[in-house]
Amino acid sequence: MDVRAIAMGLVFSLMWSSAFATARIIVADAPPLYALACRFAISGLLAVIVARAMGQDWRLTREQGRSVVLFGLMQNAAYLGFNFMALQWVEASLAVIIAASMPLMVAALGWLLRGDKVGRLGVAGLVAGFAGVALIMGTRVEGGADHLGVALCIGGALALAVATLTLRSASGQGNMLMVVGLQMLVGSAALGVLALAFETPRLVLSPAFMAAFAYQIFVPGLAATLLWFALVRRIGAVRAATFHFLNPFFGVMIAAGLLGERIGPLDLLGVAVVAGGILAVQISRRAA
């Protein structure tokens, strides 16, 4: 892995991890489902426009069509919808730790339900990773973390893990930015229906809200997506996924720096254990 690939991986992880702290700013001034539906509508349209400018077309393979619907609903609507709702009540640092455990959930479910090879290192990583998540969750719940918010975070991570297991990536089939843009639009439509049914519109156009909303559209929404595809093309999906072990650390540090969330010694210990567990699982997958 060359220096440029390492830099790309670090920047991608920073972008991904920053989405939770900025989402907490957004839901302070707008209903979570309305806000996320609007974000995906804008990001999706921009992605489709850029994809067309790059020569990508609307003609998708059957696998890509399934990916548009499944990931549009499970990733964009369920995973991120649950997290946006949860961030009304739980701190971004806790949400990002639970979300970052998704690779552990994928590996564990694949091992238990499909017989995927994990190896001793992978098993040790799963045990350590889930132990680290449990340590942080236990500490936060004892400190008064909202139980519903925690449950929503777990449900969101599980939804994305199930989708990932059900439909392996179609990234080798081309048209990927178009696929991602359409996934965003599917998610936007589903979230919009739910928002109309269950939320009361409200909006405070504070400077913090506008900055966070624009950031979500252009950085986690578009720039991180393009950077991920470039990283995958450079070093492959399995090696690129190794950078996920940095997400807990970056997410907690960004939440502390941007939102002033308090990070205790047990949180830092849990972050280190989770990161080590994710790294062990990813290394095990590469070896398999």
C-alpha atoms as a PDB file:
ATOM      1  CA  MET A   1       0.000   0.000   0.000  1.00  0.00           C
ATOM      2  CA  ASP A   2       1.589   3.276  -1.127  1.00  0.00           C
ATOM      3  CA  VAL A   3       1.617   6.649   0.618  1.00  0.00           C
ATOM      4  CA  ARG A   4      -1.134   8.066  -1.584  1.00  0.00           C
ATOM      5  CA  ALA A   5      -3.450   5.155  -0.808  1.00  0.00           C
ATOM      6  CA  ILE A   6      -2.810   5.579   2.921  1.00  0.00           C
ATOM      7  CA  ALA A   7      -3.613   9.296   2.674  1.00  0.00           C
ATOM      8  CA  MET A   8      -6.801   8.547   0.740  1.00  0.00           C
ATOM      9  CA  GLY A   9      -7.857   5.994   3.350  1.00  0.00           C
ATOM     10  CA  LEU A  10      -7.215   8.395   6.221  1.00  0.00           C
ATOM     11  CA  VAL A  11      -9.191  11.191   4.578  1.00  0.00           C
ATOM     12  CA  PHE A  12     -12.077   8.848   3.764  1.00  0.00           C
ATOM     13  CA  SER A  13     -12.235   7.654   7.362  1.00  0.00           C
ATOM     14  CA  LEU A  14     -12.245  11.258   8.601  1.00  0.00           C
ATOM     15  CA  MET A  15     -15.080  12.142   6.226  1.00  0.00           C
ATOM     16  CA  TRP A  16     -17.153   9.104   7.236  1.00  0.00           C
ATOM     17  CA  SER A  17     -16.579   9.677  10.934  1.00  0.00           C
ATOM     18  CA  SER A  18     -17.489  13.362  10.774  1.00  0.00           C
ATOM     19  CA  ALA A  19     -21.026  12.605   9.565  1.00  0.00           C
ATOM     20  CA  PHE A  20     -22.297  11.795  13.067  1.00  0.00           C
ATOM     21  CA  ALA A  21     -21.269  15.005  14.817  1.00  0.00           C
ATOM     22  CA  THR A  22     -22.642  17.144  11.975  1.00  0.00           C
ATOM     23  CA  ALA A  23     -25.871  15.097  11.936  1.00  0.00           C
ATOM     24  CA  ARG A  24     -26.371  15.891  15.633  1.00  0.00           C
ATOM     25  CA  ILE A  25     -26.162  19.590  14.774  1.00  0.00           C
ATOM     26  CA  ILE A  26     -28.754  19.139  12.017  1.00  0.00           C
ATOM     27  CA  VAL A  27     -31.345  17.306  14.133  1.00  0.00           C
ATOM     28  CA  ALA A  28     -31.197  20.051  16.756  1.00  0.00           C
ATOM     29  CA  ASP A  29     -32.826  22.409  14.233  1.00  0.00           C
ATOM     30  CA  ALA A  30     -34.895  20.147  11.953  1.00  0.00           C
ATOM     31  CA  PRO A  31     -36.826  16.838  12.119  1.00  0.00           C
ATOM     32  CA  PRO A  32     -34.394  13.989  11.385  1.00  0.00           C
ATOM     33  CA  LEU A  33     -36.371  12.225   8.645  1.00  0.00           C
ATOM     34  CA  TYR A  34     -37.270  15.428   6.792  1.00  0.00           C
ATOM     35  CA  ALA A  35     -33.669  16.619   7.005  1.00  0.00           C
ATOM     36  CA  LEU A  36     -32.225  13.330   5.776  1.00  0.00           C
ATOM     37  CA  ALA A  37     -34.785  13.029   2.973  1.00  0.00           C
ATOM     38  CA  CYS A  38     -33.831  16.494   1.726  1.00  0.00           C
ATOM     39  CA  ARG A  39     -30.133  15.729   2.050  1.00  0.00           C
ATOM     40  CA  PHE A  40     -30.444  12.561  -0.015  1.00  0.00           C
ATOM     41  CA  ALA A  41     -32.620  14.265  -2.620  1.00  0.00           C
ATOM     42  CA  ILE A  42     -29.942  16.915  -3.203  1.00  0.00           C
ATOM     43  CA  SER A  43     -26.955  14.540  -2.960  1.00  0.00           C
ATOM     44  CA  GLY A  44     -28.690  11.989  -5.192  1.00  0.00           C
ATOM     45  CA  LEU A  45     -29.509  14.503  -7.916  1.00  0.00           C
ATOM     46  CA  LEU A  46     -25.957  15.870  -7.839  1.00  0.00           C
ATOM     47  CA  ALA A  47     -24.514  12.339  -8.023  1.00  0.00           C
ATOM     48  CA  VAL A  48     -26.712  11.466 -11.012  1.00  0.00           C
ATOM     49  CA  ILE A  49     -25.710  14.686 -12.793  1.00  0.00           C
ATOM     50  CA  VAL A  50     -22.001  14.027 -12.173  1.00  0.00           C
ATOM     51  CA  ALA A  51     -22.422  10.396 -13.246  1.00  0.00           C
ATOM     52  CA  ARG A  52     -24.028  11.481 -16.526  1.00  0.00           C
ATOM     53  CA  ALA A  53     -21.189  13.970 -17.082  1.00  0.00           C
ATOM     54  CA  MET A  54     -18.746  11.065 -16.590  1.00  0.00           C
ATOM     55  CA  GLY A  55     -20.521   9.071 -19.303  1.00  0.00           C
ATOM     56  CA  GLN A  56     -22.451   6.715 -17.034  1.00  0.00           C
ATOM     57  CA  ASP A  57     -25.969   5.789 -18.116  1.00  0.00           C
ATOM     58  CA  TRP A  58     -29.272   4.617 -16.671  1.00  0.00           C
ATOM     59  CA  ARG A  59     -28.957   1.043 -17.914  1.00  0.00           C
ATOM     60  CA  LEU A  60     -28.140  -1.049 -14.883  1.00  0.00           C
ATOM     61  CA  THR A  61     -27.520  -4.749 -14.549  1.00  0.00           C
ATOM     62  CA  ARG A  62     -30.046  -6.796 -12.581  1.00  0.00           C
ATOM     63  CA  GLU A  63     -27.600  -6.928  -9.660  1.00  0.00           C
ATOM     64  CA  GLN A  64     -27.193  -3.161  -9.735  1.00  0.00           C
ATOM     65  CA  GLY A  65     -30.961  -2.705  -9.850  1.00  0.00           C
ATOM     66  CA  ARG A  66     -31.309  -4.844  -6.738  1.00  0.00           C
ATOM     67  CA  SER A  67     -28.516  -2.828  -5.134  1.00  0.00           C
ATOM     68  CA  VAL A  68     -30.346   0.443  -5.824  1.00  0.00           C
ATOM     69  CA  VAL A  69     -33.499  -0.759  -4.078  1.00  0.00           C
ATOM     70  CA  LEU A  70     -31.944  -2.782  -1.250  1.00  0.00           C
ATOM     71  CA  PHE A  71     -29.249  -0.336  -0.221  1.00  0.00           C
ATOM     72  CA  GLY A  72     -31.503   2.650  -0.868  1.00  0.00           C
ATOM     73  CA  LEU A  73     -33.927   1.252   1.701  1.00  0.00           C
ATOM     74  CA  MET A  74     -31.606  -0.540   4.143  1.00  0.00           C
ATOM     75  CA  GLN A  75     -28.594   1.787   4.121  1.00  0.00           C
ATOM     76  CA  ASN A  76     -29.956   5.219   3.349  1.00  0.00           C
ATOM     77  CA  ALA A  77     -33.456   4.921   4.840  1.00  0.00           C
ATOM     78  CA  ALA A  78     -33.011   2.410   7.700  1.00  0.00           C
ATOM     79  CA  TYR A  79     -29.355   2.699   8.757  1.00  0.00           C
ATOM     80  CA  LEU A  80     -28.991   6.456   8.434  1.00  0.00           C
ATOM     81  CA  GLY A  81     -32.635   7.153   9.252  1.00  0.00           C
ATOM     82  CA  PHE A  82     -32.341   5.291  12.558  1.00  0.00           C
ATOM     83  CA  ASN A  83     -29.068   7.063  13.332  1.00  0.00           C
ATOM     84  CA  PHE A  84     -30.465  10.524  12.591  1.00  0.00           C
ATOM     85  CA  MET A  85     -33.441   9.771  14.837  1.00  0.00           C
ATOM     86  CA  ALA A  86     -31.161   8.423  17.574  1.00  0.00           C
ATOM     87  CA  LEU A  87     -28.951  11.512  17.478  1.00  0.00           C
ATOM     88  CA  GLN A  88     -31.804  13.521  18.917  1.00  0.00           C
ATOM     89  CA  TRP A  89     -31.171  11.698  22.214  1.00  0.00           C
ATOM     90  CA  VAL A  90     -27.702  10.108  22.220  1.00  0.00           C
ATOM     91  CA  GLU A  91     -24.288  11.650  21.801  1.00  0.00           C
ATOM     92  CA  ALA A  92     -22.534  11.443  18.442  1.00  0.00           C
ATOM     93  CA  SER A  93     -19.547   9.660  20.004  1.00  0.00           C
ATOM     94  CA  LEU A  94     -21.757   6.760  21.121  1.00  0.00           C
ATOM     95  CA  ALA A  95     -23.606   6.599  17.797  1.00  0.00           C
ATOM     96  CA  VAL A  96     -20.381   6.444  15.804  1.00  0.00           C
ATOM     97  CA  ILE A  97     -18.995   3.622  17.959  1.00  0.00           C
ATOM     98  CA  ILE A  98     -22.111   1.511  17.406  1.00  0.00           C
ATOM     99  CA  ALA A  99     -22.171   2.334  13.679  1.00  0.00           C
ATOM    100  CA  ALA A 100     -18.483   1.496  13.354  1.00  0.00           C
ATOM    101  CA  SER A 101     -19.212  -1.983  14.672  1.00  0.00           C
ATOM    102  CA  MET A 102     -21.090  -2.812  11.451  1.00  0.00           C
ATOM    103  CA  PRO A 103     -18.097  -4.667   9.897  1.00  0.00           C
ATOM    104  CA  LEU A 104     -18.025  -6.819  13.046  1.00  0.00           C
ATOM    105  CA  MET A 105     -21.732  -7.582  12.614  1.00  0.00           C
ATOM    106  CA  VAL A 106     -21.223  -8.517   8.959  1.00  0.00           C
ATOM    107  CA  ALA A 107     -18.348 -10.852   9.820  1.00  0.00           C
ATOM    108  CA  ALA A 108     -20.222 -12.414  12.750  1.00  0.00           C
ATOM    109  CA  LEU A 109     -23.457 -12.982  10.803  1.00  0.00           C
ATOM    110  CA  GLY A 110     -21.560 -14.339   7.808  1.00  0.00           C
ATOM    111  CA  TRP A 111     -19.662 -16.738  10.048  1.00  0.00           C
ATOM    112  CA  LEU A 112     -22.731 -17.908  11.970  1.00  0.00           C
ATOM    113  CA  LEU A 113     -25.301 -18.018   9.158  1.00  0.00           C
ATOM    114  CA  ARG A 114     -23.300 -18.635   5.987  1.00  0.00           C
ATOM    115  CA  GLY A 115     -20.220 -20.423   7.204  1.00  0.00           C
ATOM    116  CA  ASP A 116     -17.851 -17.699   5.997  1.00  0.00           C
ATOM    117  CA  LYS A 117     -14.237 -18.303   6.968  1.00  0.00           C
ATOM    118  CA  VAL A 118     -13.061 -16.048   9.762  1.00  0.00           C
ATOM    119  CA  GLY A 119      -9.992 -17.681  11.278  1.00  0.00           C
ATOM    120  CA  ARG A 120      -8.617 -17.477  14.792  1.00  0.00           C
ATOM    121  CA  LEU A 121      -7.501 -13.883  14.397  1.00  0.00           C
ATOM    122  CA  GLY A 122     -10.938 -12.942  13.103  1.00  0.00           C
ATOM    123  CA  VAL A 123     -12.701 -14.676  16.002  1.00  0.00           C
ATOM    124  CA  ALA A 124     -10.434 -12.899  18.467  1.00  0.00           C
ATOM    125  CA  GLY A 125     -11.203  -9.621  16.679  1.00  0.00           C
ATOM    126  CA  LEU A 126     -14.944 -10.229  16.902  1.00  0.00           C
ATOM    127  CA  VAL A 127     -14.766 -10.990  20.622  1.00  0.00           C
ATOM    128  CA  ALA A 128     -12.574  -7.950  21.309  1.00  0.00           C
ATOM    129  CA  GLY A 129     -14.586  -5.642  19.076  1.00  0.00           C
ATOM    130  CA  PHE A 130     -17.960  -6.499  20.578  1.00  0.00           C
ATOM    131  CA  ALA A 131     -16.451  -6.355  24.077  1.00  0.00           C
ATOM    132  CA  GLY A 132     -15.241  -2.826  23.364  1.00  0.00           C
ATOM    133  CA  VAL A 133     -18.677  -1.768  22.101  1.00  0.00           C
ATOM    134  CA  ALA A 134     -20.317  -3.333  25.167  1.00  0.00           C
ATOM    135  CA  LEU A 135     -17.896  -1.492  27.459  1.00  0.00           C
ATOM    136  CA  ILE A 136     -18.701   1.882  25.938  1.00  0.00           C
ATOM    137  CA  MET A 137     -22.443   1.220  25.763  1.00  0.00           C
ATOM    138  CA  GLY A 138     -22.542   0.016  29.347  1.00  0.00           C
ATOM    139  CA  THR A 139     -20.675   3.067  30.582  1.00  0.00           C
ATOM    140  CA  ARG A 140     -22.909   5.453  28.647  1.00  0.00           C
ATOM    141  CA  VAL A 141     -26.183   3.733  29.601  1.00  0.00           C
ATOM    142  CA  GLU A 142     -25.183   3.846  33.280  1.00  0.00           C
ATOM    143  CA  GLY A 143     -24.469   7.517  32.733  1.00  0.00           C
ATOM    144  CA  GLY A 144     -28.010   8.117  31.467  1.00  0.00           C
ATOM    145  CA  ALA A 145     -27.818   7.454  27.700  1.00  0.00           C
ATOM    146  CA  ASP A 146     -31.268   7.124  26.173  1.00  0.00           C
ATOM    147  CA  HIS A 147     -32.254   3.475  25.723  1.00  0.00           C
ATOM    148  CA  LEU A 148     -34.382   4.106  22.635  1.00  0.00           C
ATOM    149  CA  GLY A 149     -31.575   6.031  20.986  1.00  0.00           C
ATOM    150  CA  VAL A 150     -29.116   3.208  21.665  1.00  0.00           C
ATOM    151  CA  ALA A 151     -31.608   0.660  20.289  1.00  0.00           C
ATOM    152  CA  LEU A 152     -32.065   2.723  17.123  1.00  0.00           C
ATOM    153  CA  CYS A 153     -28.287   2.880  16.585  1.00  0.00           C
ATOM    154  CA  ILE A 154     -28.012  -0.900  16.962  1.00  0.00           C
ATOM    155  CA  GLY A 155     -30.992  -1.452  14.659  1.00  0.00           C
ATOM    156  CA  GLY A 156     -29.469   0.784  12.009  1.00  0.00           C
ATOM    157  CA  ALA A 157     -26.128  -1.029  12.079  1.00  0.00           C
ATOM    158  CA  LEU A 158     -27.895  -4.394  11.870  1.00  0.00           C
ATOM    159  CA  ALA A 159     -29.985  -3.223   8.902  1.00  0.00           C
ATOM    160  CA  LEU A 160     -26.866  -2.277   6.963  1.00  0.00           C
ATOM    161  CA  ALA A 161     -25.091  -5.495   7.980  1.00  0.00           C
ATOM    162  CA  VAL A 162     -28.003  -7.616   6.716  1.00  0.00           C
ATOM    163  CA  ALA A 163     -28.120  -5.667   3.446  1.00  0.00           C
ATOM    164  CA  THR A 164     -24.369  -6.098   2.991  1.00  0.00           C
ATOM    165  CA  LEU A 165     -24.644  -9.848   3.548  1.00  0.00           C
ATOM    166  CA  THR A 166     -27.683 -10.225   1.325  1.00  0.00           C
ATOM    167  CA  LEU A 167     -26.259  -8.383  -1.633  1.00  0.00           C
ATOM    168  CA  ARG A 168     -22.525  -8.334  -2.171  1.00  0.00           C
ATOM    169  CA  SER A 169     -21.057  -5.188  -3.716  1.00  0.00           C
ATOM    170  CA  ALA A 170     -21.697  -4.589  -7.408  1.00  0.00           C
ATOM    171  CA  SER A 171     -18.742  -2.227  -7.623  1.00  0.00           C
ATOM    172  CA  GLY A 172     -17.042  -4.195 -10.345  1.00  0.00           C
ATOM    173  CA  GLN A 173     -19.924  -3.689 -12.793  1.00  0.00           C
ATOM    174  CA  GLY A 174     -19.442  -0.008 -13.675  1.00  0.00           C
ATOM    175  CA  ASN A 175     -21.906   2.902 -13.399  1.00  0.00           C
ATOM    176  CA  MET A 176     -21.226   3.027  -9.669  1.00  0.00           C
ATOM    177  CA  LEU A 177     -21.747   6.740  -9.104  1.00  0.00           C
ATOM    178  CA  MET A 178     -25.061   6.454 -10.949  1.00  0.00           C
ATOM    179  CA  VAL A 179     -25.976   3.487  -8.739  1.00  0.00           C
ATOM    180  CA  VAL A 180     -25.123   5.425  -5.577  1.00  0.00           C
ATOM    181  CA  GLY A 181     -27.074   8.471  -6.766  1.00  0.00           C
ATOM    182  CA  LEU A 182     -30.156   6.352  -7.454  1.00  0.00           C
ATOM    183  CA  GLN A 183     -29.748   4.655  -4.059  1.00  0.00           C
ATOM    184  CA  MET A 184     -29.831   8.089  -2.456  1.00  0.00           C
ATOM    185  CA  LEU A 185     -33.007   9.003  -4.346  1.00  0.00           C
ATOM    186  CA  VAL A 186     -34.691   5.745  -3.278  1.00  0.00           C
ATOM    187  CA  GLY A 187     -33.723   6.482   0.324  1.00  0.00           C
ATOM    188  CA  SER A 188     -34.997  10.045  -0.019  1.00  0.00           C
ATOM    189  CA  ALA A 189     -38.381   8.858  -1.298  1.00  0.00           C
ATOM    190  CA  ALA A 190     -38.802   6.318   1.531  1.00  0.00           C
ATOM    191  CA  LEU A 191     -37.728   8.802   4.206  1.00  0.00           C
ATOM    192  CA  GLY A 192     -39.990  11.475   2.738  1.00  0.00           C
ATOM    193  CA  VAL A 193     -43.046   9.232   3.052  1.00  0.00           C
ATOM    194  CA  LEU A 194     -42.172   8.406   6.666  1.00  0.00           C
ATOM    195  CA  ALA A 195     -41.508  12.058   7.475  1.00  0.00           C
ATOM    196  CA  LEU A 196     -44.900  13.111   6.084  1.00  0.00           C
ATOM    197  CA  ALA A 197     -46.594  10.417   8.139  1.00  0.00           C
ATOM    198  CA  PHE A 198     -44.825  10.815  11.464  1.00  0.00           C
ATOM    199  CA  GLU A 199     -43.036  14.165  11.764  1.00  0.00           C
ATOM    200  CA  THR A 200     -44.125  17.751  12.205  1.00  0.00           C
ATOM    201  CA  PRO A 201     -42.150  20.098   9.947  1.00  0.00           C
ATOM    202  CA  ARG A 202     -39.941  22.608  11.732  1.00  0.00           C
ATOM    203  CA  LEU A 203     -36.784  24.379  10.681  1.00  0.00           C
ATOM    204  CA  VAL A 204     -34.390  26.775  12.355  1.00  0.00           C
ATOM    205  CA  LEU A 205     -32.040  28.219   9.737  1.00  0.00           C
ATOM    206  CA  SER A 206     -29.188  28.796  12.136  1.00  0.00           C
ATOM    207  CA  PRO A 207     -25.658  29.244  10.787  1.00  0.00           C
ATOM    208  CA  ALA A 208     -24.669  25.950  12.432  1.00  0.00           C
ATOM    209  CA  PHE A 209     -27.542  24.098  10.729  1.00  0.00           C
ATOM    210  CA  MET A 210     -26.792  25.517   7.285  1.00  0.00           C
ATOM    211  CA  ALA A 211     -23.080  24.746   7.566  1.00  0.00           C
ATOM    212  CA  ALA A 212     -23.693  21.203   8.818  1.00  0.00           C
ATOM    213  CA  PHE A 213     -26.343  20.504   6.164  1.00  0.00           C
ATOM    214  CA  ALA A 214     -24.129  21.725   3.320  1.00  0.00           C
ATOM    215  CA  TYR A 215     -21.212  19.755   4.749  1.00  0.00           C
ATOM    216  CA  GLN A 216     -23.311  16.565   4.856  1.00  0.00           C
ATOM    217  CA  ILE A 217     -24.304  16.959   1.212  1.00  0.00           C
ATOM    218  CA  PHE A 218     -20.862  17.615  -0.215  1.00  0.00           C
ATOM    219  CA  VAL A 219     -18.448  15.800   2.115  1.00  0.00           C
ATOM    220  CA  PRO A 220     -19.922  12.536   3.501  1.00  0.00           C
ATOM    221  CA  GLY A 221     -22.541  12.543   0.736  1.00  0.00           C
ATOM    222  CA  LEU A 222     -20.458  13.084  -2.411  1.00  0.00           C
ATOM    223  CA  ALA A 223     -16.738  13.576  -1.741  1.00  0.00           C
ATOM    224  CA  ALA A 224     -16.413  10.507   0.505  1.00  0.00           C
ATOM    225  CA  THR A 225     -18.264   8.389  -2.072  1.00  0.00           C
ATOM    226  CA  LEU A 226     -15.972   9.451  -4.904  1.00  0.00           C
ATOM    227  CA  LEU A 227     -12.885   9.013  -2.701  1.00  0.00           C
ATOM    228  CA  TRP A 228     -14.003   5.503  -1.675  1.00  0.00           C
ATOM    229  CA  PHE A 229     -14.369   4.415  -5.307  1.00  0.00           C
ATOM    230  CA  ALA A 230     -10.938   5.848  -6.117  1.00  0.00           C
ATOM    231  CA  LEU A 231      -9.430   4.004  -3.146  1.00  0.00           C
ATOM    232  CA  VAL A 232     -11.096   0.718  -4.145  1.00  0.00           C
ATOM    233  CA  ARG A 233      -9.785   1.085  -7.698  1.00  0.00           C
ATOM    234  CA  ARG A 234      -6.292   1.712  -6.326  1.00  0.00           C
ATOM    235  CA  ILE A 235      -5.956  -1.050  -3.720  1.00  0.00           C
ATOM    236  CA  GLY A 236      -9.101  -3.206  -3.907  1.00  0.00           C
ATOM    237  CA  ALA A 237     -12.217  -3.352  -1.720  1.00  0.00           C
ATOM    238  CA  VAL A 238     -10.879  -5.724   0.944  1.00  0.00           C
ATOM    239  CA  ARG A 239      -7.699  -3.741   1.584  1.00  0.00           C
ATOM    240  CA  ALA A 240      -9.625  -0.449   1.472  1.00  0.00           C
ATOM    241  CA  ALA A 241     -12.045  -1.755   4.115  1.00  0.00           C
ATOM    242  CA  THR A 242      -9.120  -2.054   6.529  1.00  0.00           C
ATOM    243  CA  PHE A 243      -9.347   1.700   7.113  1.00  0.00           C
ATOM    244  CA  HIS A 244     -12.673   1.193   8.918  1.00  0.00           C
ATOM    245  CA  PHE A 245     -10.687   0.416  12.065  1.00  0.00           C
ATOM    246  CA  LEU A 246      -9.928   4.157  12.315  1.00  0.00           C
ATOM    247  CA  ASN A 247     -13.586   5.205  12.345  1.00  0.00           C
ATOM    248  CA  PRO A 248     -14.201   4.792  16.108  1.00  0.00           C
ATOM    249  CA  PHE A 249     -11.159   6.920  17.002  1.00  0.00           C
ATOM    250  CA  PHE A 250     -11.868   9.677  14.473  1.00  0.00           C
ATOM    251  CA  GLY A 251     -15.585   9.734  15.284  1.00  0.00           C
ATOM    252  CA  VAL A 252     -15.038  10.131  19.016  1.00  0.00           C
ATOM    253  CA  MET A 253     -12.368  12.789  18.564  1.00  0.00           C
ATOM    254  CA  ILE A 254     -14.522  14.811  16.134  1.00  0.00           C
ATOM    255  CA  ALA A 255     -17.509  14.633  18.497  1.00  0.00           C
ATOM    256  CA  ALA A 256     -15.320  15.872  21.341  1.00  0.00           C
ATOM    257  CA  GLY A 257     -13.756  18.662  19.300  1.00  0.00           C
ATOM    258  CA  LEU A 258     -16.864  19.868  17.446  1.00  0.00           C
ATOM    259  CA  LEU A 259     -19.584  19.285  20.039  1.00  0.00           C
ATOM    260  CA  GLY A 260     -17.599  19.336  23.270  1.00  0.00           C
ATOM    261  CA  GLU A 261     -18.709  15.821  24.212  1.00  0.00           C
ATOM    262  CA  ARG A 262     -16.898  14.453  27.240  1.00  0.00           C
ATOM    263  CA  ILE A 263     -14.680  11.431  26.570  1.00  0.00           C
ATOM    264  CA  GLY A 264     -13.665   9.415  29.626  1.00  0.00           C
ATOM    265  CA  PRO A 265     -10.849   6.886  30.142  1.00  0.00           C
ATOM    266  CA  LEU A 266     -13.209   3.916  29.671  1.00  0.00           C
ATOM    267  CA  ASP A 267     -14.394   5.434  26.386  1.00  0.00           C
ATOM    268  CA  LEU A 268     -10.814   5.649  25.142  1.00  0.00           C
ATOM    269  CA  LEU A 269     -10.139   2.088  26.234  1.00  0.00           C
ATOM    270  CA  GLY A 270     -13.288   0.898  24.476  1.00  0.00           C
ATOM    271  CA  VAL A 271     -12.373   2.782  21.295  1.00  0.00           C
ATOM    272  CA  ALA A 272      -8.925   1.161  21.250  1.00  0.00           C
ATOM    273  CA  VAL A 273     -10.413  -2.319  21.756  1.00  0.00           C
ATOM    274  CA  VAL A 274     -13.080  -1.795  19.059  1.00  0.00           C
ATOM    275  CA  ALA A 275     -10.517  -0.442  16.593  1.00  0.00           C
ATOM    276  CA  GLY A 276      -8.219  -3.386  17.269  1.00  0.00           C
ATOM    277  CA  GLY A 277     -11.089  -5.817  16.811  1.00  0.00           C
ATOM    278  CA  ILE A 278     -12.130  -4.309  13.487  1.00  0.00           C
ATOM    279  CA  LEU A 279      -8.528  -4.350  12.270  1.00  0.00           C
ATOM    280  CA  ALA A 280      -8.116  -8.009  13.263  1.00  0.00           C
ATOM    281  CA  VAL A 281     -11.321  -8.970  11.434  1.00  0.00           C
ATOM    282  CA  GLN A 282     -10.297  -7.099   8.289  1.00  0.00           C
ATOM    283  CA  ILE A 283      -6.818  -8.656   8.306  1.00  0.00           C
ATOM    284  CA  SER A 284      -8.425 -12.060   8.754  1.00  0.00           C
ATOM    285  CA  ARG A 285     -10.681 -11.414   5.767  1.00  0.00           C
ATOM    286  CA  ARG A 286      -7.695 -10.453   3.641  1.00  0.00           C
ATOM    287  CA  ALA A 287      -5.917 -13.658   4.610  1.00  0.00           C
ATOM    288  CA  ALA A 288      -9.014 -15.714   3.690  1.00  0.00           C
END
